[in-house]
Amino acid sequence: MTSFRLPGDASYFEKARRSQLSQGDIFLAPAAVVTQAVNPAPGPLRSAALPPMAGEPVTVLAWGDPRFEPVGGIPAAAMVVTWVPVMVLSHDCEIDKDFNESVDRHRRANPELSEALATAMFADRADLDPYVLIAPLLPYDDVLIPAWRHEGIRLAARIGYIPVPPIPNYGATDYCVPLTRMCTVQRQLLDERFQVASLSESARCIVRFKLAEALASRNLSVVSKLEAAVGRTIADVRTLKSKQSSATLALILDDGSELQVDAKPDRPADDLPERLRKSRP
């Protein structure tokens, strides 16, 4: 089984878990998907006194009743919640944005206040940066993810997924993080007692790249063409020189080597129609 490797065979995980909540941290925590309620519902329709076994979904009805016609045309909605390993996707700057702004404002208003004291004043404020974006770690189950996608995901070649190798002291299973399953949790649910691992800085670069590839810049899909041309996986990209109409980039490959390329804007492509999926059948 071929898997993705970081440049120079760098470690995917830090030797010690980060004490500060950070992008790439892995916890056992609840992850949720909001669905249209159906009858029968997927998984037990209940409110559990205790979380089920890891990976077992629990479906909680939000409103409506799937046995009857929707009231006012509003469909019955449910939340499918699972206790699973999850990865923190929010960037470090976003995780503590409100906190840092509050400390800065307070120090500007009270210049005699030390950094340590100002930090301590806001450190336990639950109303600052209350939410964090996460996504679950899923096993390579043919039901969850079609088998024909597995190899591409493991090689970090498929858009929308982050490959995760087996986590030290957590079993021999490798995982993937599907970015379509991203959800929001209150940061207090990411309890340090259930922290599993922290990603290395090299692996965090892959997380940021895959997020940009899936959510921010469709043009990053050309990366697969570059990888096919050089016969290696691109682990990172750095800008060496930038001008108004061109740039020199360094492609960091999975064997630690560096490839420099000159990039210029493409000429406008033909105005081809884009295929859109209908919102309803």
C-alpha atoms as a PDB file:
ATOM      1  CA  MET A   1       0.000   0.000   0.000  1.00  0.00           C
ATOM      2  CA  THR A   2       1.590   3.271  -1.160  1.00  0.00           C
ATOM      3  CA  SER A   3       1.139   6.263   1.138  1.00  0.00           C
ATOM      4  CA  PHE A   4       2.020   9.937   1.065  1.00  0.00           C
ATOM      5  CA  ARG A   5       5.444  10.856   2.455  1.00  0.00           C
ATOM      6  CA  LEU A   6       6.612  14.257   3.638  1.00  0.00           C
ATOM      7  CA  PRO A   7       9.795  15.860   2.256  1.00  0.00           C
ATOM      8  CA  GLY A   8      12.927  14.128   3.535  1.00  0.00           C
ATOM      9  CA  ASP A   9      10.739  11.569   5.311  1.00  0.00           C
ATOM     10  CA  ALA A  10       9.895  14.161   7.962  1.00  0.00           C
ATOM     11  CA  SER A  11       7.642  12.989  10.771  1.00  0.00           C
ATOM     12  CA  TYR A  12       3.921  13.558  10.277  1.00  0.00           C
ATOM     13  CA  PHE A  13       3.354  14.004  14.020  1.00  0.00           C
ATOM     14  CA  GLU A  14       5.087  15.953  16.782  1.00  0.00           C
ATOM     15  CA  LYS A  15       6.802  13.828  19.423  1.00  0.00           C
ATOM     16  CA  ALA A  16       4.831  15.635  22.126  1.00  0.00           C
ATOM     17  CA  ARG A  17       1.315  17.028  21.796  1.00  0.00           C
ATOM     18  CA  ARG A  18       1.078  20.825  21.661  1.00  0.00           C
ATOM     19  CA  SER A  19      -0.227  22.372  24.857  1.00  0.00           C
ATOM     20  CA  GLN A  20      -1.757  25.278  22.904  1.00  0.00           C
ATOM     21  CA  LEU A  21      -4.757  24.447  20.718  1.00  0.00           C
ATOM     22  CA  SER A  22      -3.394  24.503  17.167  1.00  0.00           C
ATOM     23  CA  GLN A  23      -4.262  23.707  13.576  1.00  0.00           C
ATOM     24  CA  GLY A  24      -3.610  20.019  12.941  1.00  0.00           C
ATOM     25  CA  ASP A  25      -4.295  18.877  16.507  1.00  0.00           C
ATOM     26  CA  ILE A  26      -6.254  15.628  16.705  1.00  0.00           C
ATOM     27  CA  PHE A  27      -8.812  14.987  19.457  1.00  0.00           C
ATOM     28  CA  LEU A  28     -11.567  12.559  20.242  1.00  0.00           C
ATOM     29  CA  ALA A  29     -14.616  14.813  20.017  1.00  0.00           C
ATOM     30  CA  PRO A  30     -18.153  14.969  18.610  1.00  0.00           C
ATOM     31  CA  ALA A  31     -18.513  15.743  14.905  1.00  0.00           C
ATOM     32  CA  ALA A  32     -21.905  16.483  13.363  1.00  0.00           C
ATOM     33  CA  VAL A  33     -23.714  16.633  10.037  1.00  0.00           C
ATOM     34  CA  VAL A  34     -27.118  18.295   9.614  1.00  0.00           C
ATOM     35  CA  THR A  35     -29.385  16.154   7.445  1.00  0.00           C
ATOM     36  CA  GLN A  36     -32.959  15.986   6.311  1.00  0.00           C
ATOM     37  CA  ALA A  37     -34.717  13.709   8.778  1.00  0.00           C
ATOM     38  CA  VAL A  38     -35.975  10.469   7.272  1.00  0.00           C
ATOM     39  CA  ASN A  39     -37.943   7.567   8.666  1.00  0.00           C
ATOM     40  CA  PRO A  40     -36.302   5.332   9.647  1.00  0.00           C
ATOM     41  CA  ALA A  41     -33.344   7.540  10.569  1.00  0.00           C
ATOM     42  CA  PRO A  42     -29.720   6.427  10.017  1.00  0.00           C
ATOM     43  CA  GLY A  43     -28.490   5.247  13.373  1.00  0.00           C
ATOM     44  CA  PRO A  44     -30.471   5.306  16.623  1.00  0.00           C
ATOM     45  CA  LEU A  45     -32.821   8.304  16.871  1.00  0.00           C
ATOM     46  CA  ARG A  46     -32.233   9.257  20.473  1.00  0.00           C
ATOM     47  CA  SER A  47     -30.486  11.480  22.939  1.00  0.00           C
ATOM     48  CA  ALA A  48     -27.721   9.361  24.453  1.00  0.00           C
ATOM     49  CA  ALA A  49     -26.867   9.623  28.154  1.00  0.00           C
ATOM     50  CA  LEU A  50     -23.300   8.684  27.263  1.00  0.00           C
ATOM     51  CA  PRO A  51     -21.528   8.819  23.919  1.00  0.00           C
ATOM     52  CA  PRO A  52     -21.722   5.575  21.950  1.00  0.00           C
ATOM     53  CA  MET A  53     -18.705   3.599  20.850  1.00  0.00           C
ATOM     54  CA  ALA A  54     -16.292   5.607  18.720  1.00  0.00           C
ATOM     55  CA  GLY A  55     -17.620   5.851  15.194  1.00  0.00           C
ATOM     56  CA  GLU A  56     -21.236   4.938  16.006  1.00  0.00           C
ATOM     57  CA  PRO A  57     -23.583   7.676  14.744  1.00  0.00           C
ATOM     58  CA  VAL A  58     -26.410   8.992  16.885  1.00  0.00           C
ATOM     59  CA  THR A  59     -29.209  10.842  15.105  1.00  0.00           C
ATOM     60  CA  VAL A  60     -30.964  13.586  17.072  1.00  0.00           C
ATOM     61  CA  LEU A  61     -34.129  15.137  15.670  1.00  0.00           C
ATOM     62  CA  ALA A  62     -33.844  18.940  15.544  1.00  0.00           C
ATOM     63  CA  TRP A  63     -37.448  19.713  14.514  1.00  0.00           C
ATOM     64  CA  GLY A  64     -40.359  18.236  12.620  1.00  0.00           C
ATOM     65  CA  ASP A  65     -41.328  14.602  12.361  1.00  0.00           C
ATOM     66  CA  PRO A  66     -40.262  12.521   9.339  1.00  0.00           C
ATOM     67  CA  ARG A  67     -43.458  10.445   9.614  1.00  0.00           C
ATOM     68  CA  PHE A  68     -45.618  13.413   8.593  1.00  0.00           C
ATOM     69  CA  GLU A  69     -45.702  16.072   5.903  1.00  0.00           C
ATOM     70  CA  PRO A  70     -43.471  19.069   6.706  1.00  0.00           C
ATOM     71  CA  VAL A  71     -45.272  21.986   8.355  1.00  0.00           C
ATOM     72  CA  GLY A  72     -45.154  25.122   6.237  1.00  0.00           C
ATOM     73  CA  GLY A  73     -42.967  23.357   3.701  1.00  0.00           C
ATOM     74  CA  ILE A  74     -40.017  23.248   6.116  1.00  0.00           C
ATOM     75  CA  PRO A  75     -38.441  19.750   6.053  1.00  0.00           C
ATOM     76  CA  ALA A  76     -37.764  17.853   9.239  1.00  0.00           C
ATOM     77  CA  ALA A  77     -34.097  18.259  10.183  1.00  0.00           C
ATOM     78  CA  ALA A  78     -31.813  16.004  12.198  1.00  0.00           C
ATOM     79  CA  MET A  79     -28.229  16.035  13.384  1.00  0.00           C
ATOM     80  CA  VAL A  80     -26.070  12.952  12.970  1.00  0.00           C
ATOM     81  CA  VAL A  81     -23.438  13.154  15.715  1.00  0.00           C
ATOM     82  CA  THR A  82     -20.449  10.832  16.034  1.00  0.00           C
ATOM     83  CA  TRP A  83     -17.745  10.520  18.689  1.00  0.00           C
ATOM     84  CA  VAL A  84     -14.636  10.201  16.521  1.00  0.00           C
ATOM     85  CA  PRO A  85     -11.061  11.404  16.102  1.00  0.00           C
ATOM     86  CA  VAL A  86     -11.241  14.899  14.606  1.00  0.00           C
ATOM     87  CA  MET A  87      -8.648  17.288  13.191  1.00  0.00           C
ATOM     88  CA  VAL A  88      -8.573  21.005  13.997  1.00  0.00           C
ATOM     89  CA  LEU A  89      -8.727  22.906  10.687  1.00  0.00           C
ATOM     90  CA  SER A  90      -8.921  26.511  11.925  1.00  0.00           C
ATOM     91  CA  HIS A  91      -5.649  28.397  11.487  1.00  0.00           C
ATOM     92  CA  ASP A  92      -3.748  29.278  14.662  1.00  0.00           C
ATOM     93  CA  CYS A  93      -4.349  33.007  14.084  1.00  0.00           C
ATOM     94  CA  GLU A  94      -8.107  32.429  13.875  1.00  0.00           C
ATOM     95  CA  ILE A  95      -8.208  30.147  16.930  1.00  0.00           C
ATOM     96  CA  ASP A  96      -7.004  32.958  19.239  1.00  0.00           C
ATOM     97  CA  LYS A  97      -7.954  36.045  17.232  1.00  0.00           C
ATOM     98  CA  ASP A  98     -10.436  37.543  19.756  1.00  0.00           C
ATOM     99  CA  PHE A  99      -8.104  36.730  22.649  1.00  0.00           C
ATOM    100  CA  ASN A 100      -5.090  38.457  21.113  1.00  0.00           C
ATOM    101  CA  GLU A 101      -7.114  41.510  20.095  1.00  0.00           C
ATOM    102  CA  SER A 102      -8.529  41.803  23.622  1.00  0.00           C
ATOM    103  CA  VAL A 103      -5.068  41.613  25.206  1.00  0.00           C
ATOM    104  CA  ASP A 104      -3.686  44.213  22.763  1.00  0.00           C
ATOM    105  CA  ARG A 105      -6.564  46.630  23.344  1.00  0.00           C
ATOM    106  CA  HIS A 106      -6.310  46.278  27.110  1.00  0.00           C
ATOM    107  CA  ARG A 107      -2.552  46.880  27.095  1.00  0.00           C
ATOM    108  CA  ARG A 108      -2.936  49.965  24.912  1.00  0.00           C
ATOM    109  CA  ALA A 109      -5.512  51.325  27.380  1.00  0.00           C
ATOM    110  CA  ASN A 110      -3.334  50.314  30.353  1.00  0.00           C
ATOM    111  CA  PRO A 111       0.315  50.649  29.240  1.00  0.00           C
ATOM    112  CA  GLU A 112       1.577  49.971  32.746  1.00  0.00           C
ATOM    113  CA  LEU A 113       0.097  46.455  32.616  1.00  0.00           C
ATOM    114  CA  SER A 114       2.600  43.653  31.930  1.00  0.00           C
ATOM    115  CA  GLU A 115       2.178  41.197  29.058  1.00  0.00           C
ATOM    116  CA  ALA A 116       1.911  38.268  31.468  1.00  0.00           C
ATOM    117  CA  LEU A 117      -0.791  39.885  33.600  1.00  0.00           C
ATOM    118  CA  ALA A 118      -2.836  41.039  30.609  1.00  0.00           C
ATOM    119  CA  THR A 119      -2.634  37.557  29.090  1.00  0.00           C
ATOM    120  CA  ALA A 120      -3.764  35.939  32.348  1.00  0.00           C
ATOM    121  CA  MET A 121      -6.755  38.281  32.560  1.00  0.00           C
ATOM    122  CA  PHE A 122      -8.209  37.003  29.283  1.00  0.00           C
ATOM    123  CA  ALA A 123      -6.869  33.435  29.176  1.00  0.00           C
ATOM    124  CA  ASP A 124     -10.002  31.794  30.621  1.00  0.00           C
ATOM    125  CA  ARG A 125     -12.631  33.884  28.838  1.00  0.00           C
ATOM    126  CA  ALA A 126     -14.983  31.347  27.247  1.00  0.00           C
ATOM    127  CA  ASP A 127     -16.683  34.055  25.176  1.00  0.00           C
ATOM    128  CA  LEU A 128     -13.477  34.795  23.239  1.00  0.00           C
ATOM    129  CA  ASP A 129     -12.914  32.607  20.145  1.00  0.00           C
ATOM    130  CA  PRO A 130     -15.661  30.177  21.227  1.00  0.00           C
ATOM    131  CA  TYR A 131     -15.799  28.112  18.026  1.00  0.00           C
ATOM    132  CA  VAL A 132     -13.329  25.990  16.066  1.00  0.00           C
ATOM    133  CA  LEU A 133     -13.621  24.297  12.664  1.00  0.00           C
ATOM    134  CA  ILE A 134     -12.944  20.561  12.669  1.00  0.00           C
ATOM    135  CA  ALA A 135     -13.460  17.545  10.412  1.00  0.00           C
ATOM    136  CA  PRO A 136     -13.554  13.848  11.342  1.00  0.00           C
ATOM    137  CA  LEU A 137     -10.854  11.290  10.596  1.00  0.00           C
ATOM    138  CA  LEU A 138     -12.490   8.478   8.644  1.00  0.00           C
ATOM    139  CA  PRO A 139     -11.068   5.007   7.963  1.00  0.00           C
ATOM    140  CA  TYR A 140     -10.766   3.782   4.386  1.00  0.00           C
ATOM    141  CA  ASP A 141     -14.125   2.037   4.476  1.00  0.00           C
ATOM    142  CA  ASP A 142     -15.586   1.175   1.073  1.00  0.00           C
ATOM    143  CA  VAL A 143     -19.030   2.241   2.312  1.00  0.00           C
ATOM    144  CA  LEU A 144     -17.847   5.659   3.511  1.00  0.00           C
ATOM    145  CA  ILE A 145     -15.410   6.295   0.643  1.00  0.00           C
ATOM    146  CA  PRO A 146     -15.454   4.386  -2.681  1.00  0.00           C
ATOM    147  CA  ALA A 147     -12.480   2.049  -3.008  1.00  0.00           C
ATOM    148  CA  TRP A 148     -11.344   3.630  -6.272  1.00  0.00           C
ATOM    149  CA  ARG A 149     -10.594   6.870  -4.390  1.00  0.00           C
ATOM    150  CA  HIS A 150      -8.391   5.309  -1.704  1.00  0.00           C
ATOM    151  CA  GLU A 151      -5.042   5.339  -3.493  1.00  0.00           C
ATOM    152  CA  GLY A 152      -5.388   8.941  -4.673  1.00  0.00           C
ATOM    153  CA  ILE A 153      -6.333  10.088  -1.168  1.00  0.00           C
ATOM    154  CA  ARG A 154      -3.421   8.235   0.441  1.00  0.00           C
ATOM    155  CA  LEU A 155      -1.033   9.904  -2.019  1.00  0.00           C
ATOM    156  CA  ALA A 156      -2.507  13.365  -1.268  1.00  0.00           C
ATOM    157  CA  ALA A 157      -3.430  13.566  -4.943  1.00  0.00           C
ATOM    158  CA  ARG A 158      -7.197  13.867  -4.512  1.00  0.00           C
ATOM    159  CA  ILE A 159      -8.786  17.247  -3.884  1.00  0.00           C
ATOM    160  CA  GLY A 160     -10.988  17.482  -0.788  1.00  0.00           C
ATOM    161  CA  TYR A 161      -9.163  14.978   1.421  1.00  0.00           C
ATOM    162  CA  ILE A 162      -6.210  15.143   3.832  1.00  0.00           C
ATOM    163  CA  PRO A 163      -4.352  11.827   4.275  1.00  0.00           C
ATOM    164  CA  VAL A 164      -3.385  10.863   7.832  1.00  0.00           C
ATOM    165  CA  PRO A 165      -0.982   7.946   8.462  1.00  0.00           C
ATOM    166  CA  PRO A 166      -1.338   5.687  11.521  1.00  0.00           C
ATOM    167  CA  ILE A 167      -1.155   7.762  14.701  1.00  0.00           C
ATOM    168  CA  PRO A 168       1.558   6.657  17.176  1.00  0.00           C
ATOM    169  CA  ASN A 169       0.126   4.801  20.185  1.00  0.00           C
ATOM    170  CA  TYR A 170      -3.326   4.882  18.603  1.00  0.00           C
ATOM    171  CA  GLY A 171      -3.388   1.773  16.445  1.00  0.00           C
ATOM    172  CA  ALA A 172      -2.248   0.806  12.955  1.00  0.00           C
ATOM    173  CA  THR A 173      -5.154   2.331  11.015  1.00  0.00           C
ATOM    174  CA  ASP A 174      -4.541   5.156   8.562  1.00  0.00           C
ATOM    175  CA  TYR A 175      -7.241   7.736   7.993  1.00  0.00           C
ATOM    176  CA  CYS A 176      -8.362  10.525   5.737  1.00  0.00           C
ATOM    177  CA  VAL A 177     -10.024  13.825   6.595  1.00  0.00           C
ATOM    178  CA  PRO A 178     -12.900  14.619   4.170  1.00  0.00           C
ATOM    179  CA  LEU A 179     -13.244  18.387   3.965  1.00  0.00           C
ATOM    180  CA  THR A 180     -16.924  18.086   2.998  1.00  0.00           C
ATOM    181  CA  ARG A 181     -17.507  16.883   6.582  1.00  0.00           C
ATOM    182  CA  MET A 182     -16.161  20.074   8.136  1.00  0.00           C
ATOM    183  CA  CYS A 183     -18.231  21.337  11.074  1.00  0.00           C
ATOM    184  CA  THR A 184     -18.099  23.827  13.946  1.00  0.00           C
ATOM    185  CA  VAL A 185     -17.658  22.868  17.594  1.00  0.00           C
ATOM    186  CA  GLN A 186     -17.327  24.852  20.789  1.00  0.00           C
ATOM    187  CA  ARG A 187     -13.644  24.815  21.722  1.00  0.00           C
ATOM    188  CA  GLN A 188     -14.439  23.440  25.196  1.00  0.00           C
ATOM    189  CA  LEU A 189     -15.405  20.170  23.464  1.00  0.00           C
ATOM    190  CA  LEU A 190     -11.760  19.796  22.421  1.00  0.00           C
ATOM    191  CA  ASP A 191     -10.720  18.574  25.844  1.00  0.00           C
ATOM    192  CA  GLU A 192      -6.994  18.072  26.433  1.00  0.00           C
ATOM    193  CA  ARG A 193      -7.822  14.772  28.174  1.00  0.00           C
ATOM    194  CA  PHE A 194      -8.904  13.453  24.774  1.00  0.00           C
ATOM    195  CA  GLN A 195      -6.084  14.941  22.712  1.00  0.00           C
ATOM    196  CA  VAL A 196      -4.591  12.212  20.547  1.00  0.00           C
ATOM    197  CA  ALA A 197      -1.776  13.887  18.610  1.00  0.00           C
ATOM    198  CA  SER A 198      -0.402  17.093  17.083  1.00  0.00           C
ATOM    199  CA  LEU A 199       0.793  17.365  13.494  1.00  0.00           C
ATOM    200  CA  SER A 200       4.337  18.427  12.701  1.00  0.00           C
ATOM    201  CA  GLU A 201       4.947  21.739  10.952  1.00  0.00           C
ATOM    202  CA  SER A 202       5.595  19.909   7.668  1.00  0.00           C
ATOM    203  CA  ALA A 203       2.264  18.091   7.943  1.00  0.00           C
ATOM    204  CA  ARG A 204       0.495  21.337   8.872  1.00  0.00           C
ATOM    205  CA  CYS A 205       1.743  22.777   5.566  1.00  0.00           C
ATOM    206  CA  ILE A 206      -0.050  19.923   3.797  1.00  0.00           C
ATOM    207  CA  VAL A 207      -3.248  20.689   5.733  1.00  0.00           C
ATOM    208  CA  ARG A 208      -3.106  24.340   4.676  1.00  0.00           C
ATOM    209  CA  PHE A 209      -2.383  23.392   1.074  1.00  0.00           C
ATOM    210  CA  LYS A 210      -5.264  20.913   0.914  1.00  0.00           C
ATOM    211  CA  LEU A 211      -7.635  23.458   2.470  1.00  0.00           C
ATOM    212  CA  ALA A 212      -6.658  26.066  -0.117  1.00  0.00           C
ATOM    213  CA  GLU A 213      -6.891  23.499  -2.897  1.00  0.00           C
ATOM    214  CA  ALA A 214     -10.432  22.489  -1.937  1.00  0.00           C
ATOM    215  CA  LEU A 215     -11.930  25.724  -0.640  1.00  0.00           C
ATOM    216  CA  ALA A 216     -10.117  28.743  -2.008  1.00  0.00           C
ATOM    217  CA  SER A 217      -8.397  28.246  -5.357  1.00  0.00           C
ATOM    218  CA  ARG A 218      -9.673  25.941  -8.037  1.00  0.00           C
ATOM    219  CA  ASN A 219      -6.487  26.581 -10.055  1.00  0.00           C
ATOM    220  CA  LEU A 220      -4.544  24.433  -7.580  1.00  0.00           C
ATOM    221  CA  SER A 221      -5.977  21.417  -9.415  1.00  0.00           C
ATOM    222  CA  VAL A 222      -3.101  21.862 -11.898  1.00  0.00           C
ATOM    223  CA  VAL A 223      -0.821  20.554  -9.152  1.00  0.00           C
ATOM    224  CA  SER A 224      -1.709  16.994 -10.159  1.00  0.00           C
ATOM    225  CA  LYS A 225      -0.467  17.739 -13.678  1.00  0.00           C
ATOM    226  CA  LEU A 226       2.823  19.119 -12.324  1.00  0.00           C
ATOM    227  CA  GLU A 227       3.266  16.056 -10.113  1.00  0.00           C
ATOM    228  CA  ALA A 228       2.698  13.741 -13.064  1.00  0.00           C
ATOM    229  CA  ALA A 229       5.269  15.682 -15.083  1.00  0.00           C
ATOM    230  CA  VAL A 230       8.025  15.495 -12.446  1.00  0.00           C
ATOM    231  CA  GLY A 231       7.100  12.058 -11.076  1.00  0.00           C
ATOM    232  CA  ARG A 232       6.999  13.261  -7.454  1.00  0.00           C
ATOM    233  CA  THR A 233       4.421  14.586  -4.995  1.00  0.00           C
ATOM    234  CA  ILE A 234       4.548  18.343  -4.304  1.00  0.00           C
ATOM    235  CA  ALA A 235       4.624  18.886  -0.534  1.00  0.00           C
ATOM    236  CA  ASP A 236       4.884  22.671  -0.430  1.00  0.00           C
ATOM    237  CA  VAL A 237       5.230  25.757  -2.641  1.00  0.00           C
ATOM    238  CA  ARG A 238       7.285  28.879  -1.902  1.00  0.00           C
ATOM    239  CA  THR A 239       7.434  32.153  -3.823  1.00  0.00           C
ATOM    240  CA  LEU A 240      11.041  33.136  -4.579  1.00  0.00           C
ATOM    241  CA  LYS A 241      10.466  36.188  -6.781  1.00  0.00           C
ATOM    242  CA  SER A 242       7.269  37.981  -7.673  1.00  0.00           C
ATOM    243  CA  LYS A 243       6.610  40.609 -10.360  1.00  0.00           C
ATOM    244  CA  GLN A 244       3.438  42.147 -11.699  1.00  0.00           C
ATOM    245  CA  SER A 245       3.020  39.601 -14.482  1.00  0.00           C
ATOM    246  CA  SER A 246       5.232  36.672 -13.439  1.00  0.00           C
ATOM    247  CA  ALA A 247       6.698  34.823 -10.462  1.00  0.00           C
ATOM    248  CA  THR A 248       9.407  32.290  -9.693  1.00  0.00           C
ATOM    249  CA  LEU A 249       8.209  29.453  -7.477  1.00  0.00           C
ATOM    250  CA  ALA A 250      10.025  26.724  -5.593  1.00  0.00           C
ATOM    251  CA  LEU A 251       8.201  23.393  -5.559  1.00  0.00           C
ATOM    252  CA  ILE A 252       9.254  21.324  -2.549  1.00  0.00           C
ATOM    253  CA  LEU A 253       8.974  17.667  -3.534  1.00  0.00           C
ATOM    254  CA  ASP A 254       8.253  14.671  -1.309  1.00  0.00           C
ATOM    255  CA  ASP A 255      11.896  13.524  -1.400  1.00  0.00           C
ATOM    256  CA  GLY A 256      13.107  16.866  -0.013  1.00  0.00           C
ATOM    257  CA  SER A 257      14.378  18.180  -3.345  1.00  0.00           C
ATOM    258  CA  GLU A 258      13.412  21.586  -4.733  1.00  0.00           C
ATOM    259  CA  LEU A 259      12.276  22.436  -8.250  1.00  0.00           C
ATOM    260  CA  GLN A 260      12.154  26.055  -9.416  1.00  0.00           C
ATOM    261  CA  VAL A 261       9.598  27.084 -12.030  1.00  0.00           C
ATOM    262  CA  ASP A 262       8.665  30.376 -13.692  1.00  0.00           C
ATOM    263  CA  ALA A 263       4.948  31.129 -13.711  1.00  0.00           C
ATOM    264  CA  LYS A 264       3.076  33.537 -15.985  1.00  0.00           C
ATOM    265  CA  PRO A 265      -0.667  34.203 -16.320  1.00  0.00           C
ATOM    266  CA  ASP A 266      -2.495  31.981 -18.808  1.00  0.00           C
ATOM    267  CA  ARG A 267      -4.313  33.488 -21.728  1.00  0.00           C
ATOM    268  CA  PRO A 268      -8.105  33.488 -21.201  1.00  0.00           C
ATOM    269  CA  ALA A 269      -9.547  30.048 -21.889  1.00  0.00           C
ATOM    270  CA  ASP A 270     -12.439  29.503 -24.256  1.00  0.00           C
ATOM    271  CA  ASP A 271     -15.735  30.468 -22.706  1.00  0.00           C
ATOM    272  CA  LEU A 272     -16.990  26.946 -22.092  1.00  0.00           C
ATOM    273  CA  PRO A 273     -20.176  26.313 -20.097  1.00  0.00           C
ATOM    274  CA  GLU A 274     -19.683  24.887 -16.630  1.00  0.00           C
ATOM    275  CA  ARG A 275     -21.669  21.820 -15.690  1.00  0.00           C
ATOM    276  CA  LEU A 276     -23.969  22.529 -12.755  1.00  0.00           C
ATOM    277  CA  ARG A 277     -25.819  20.007 -10.669  1.00  0.00           C
ATOM    278  CA  LYS A 278     -29.545  20.669 -10.222  1.00  0.00           C
ATOM    279  CA  SER A 279     -30.522  21.525  -6.679  1.00  0.00           C
ATOM    280  CA  ARG A 280     -33.498  19.174  -6.814  1.00  0.00           C
ATOM    281  CA  PRO A 281     -34.259  16.108  -8.977  1.00  0.00           C
END
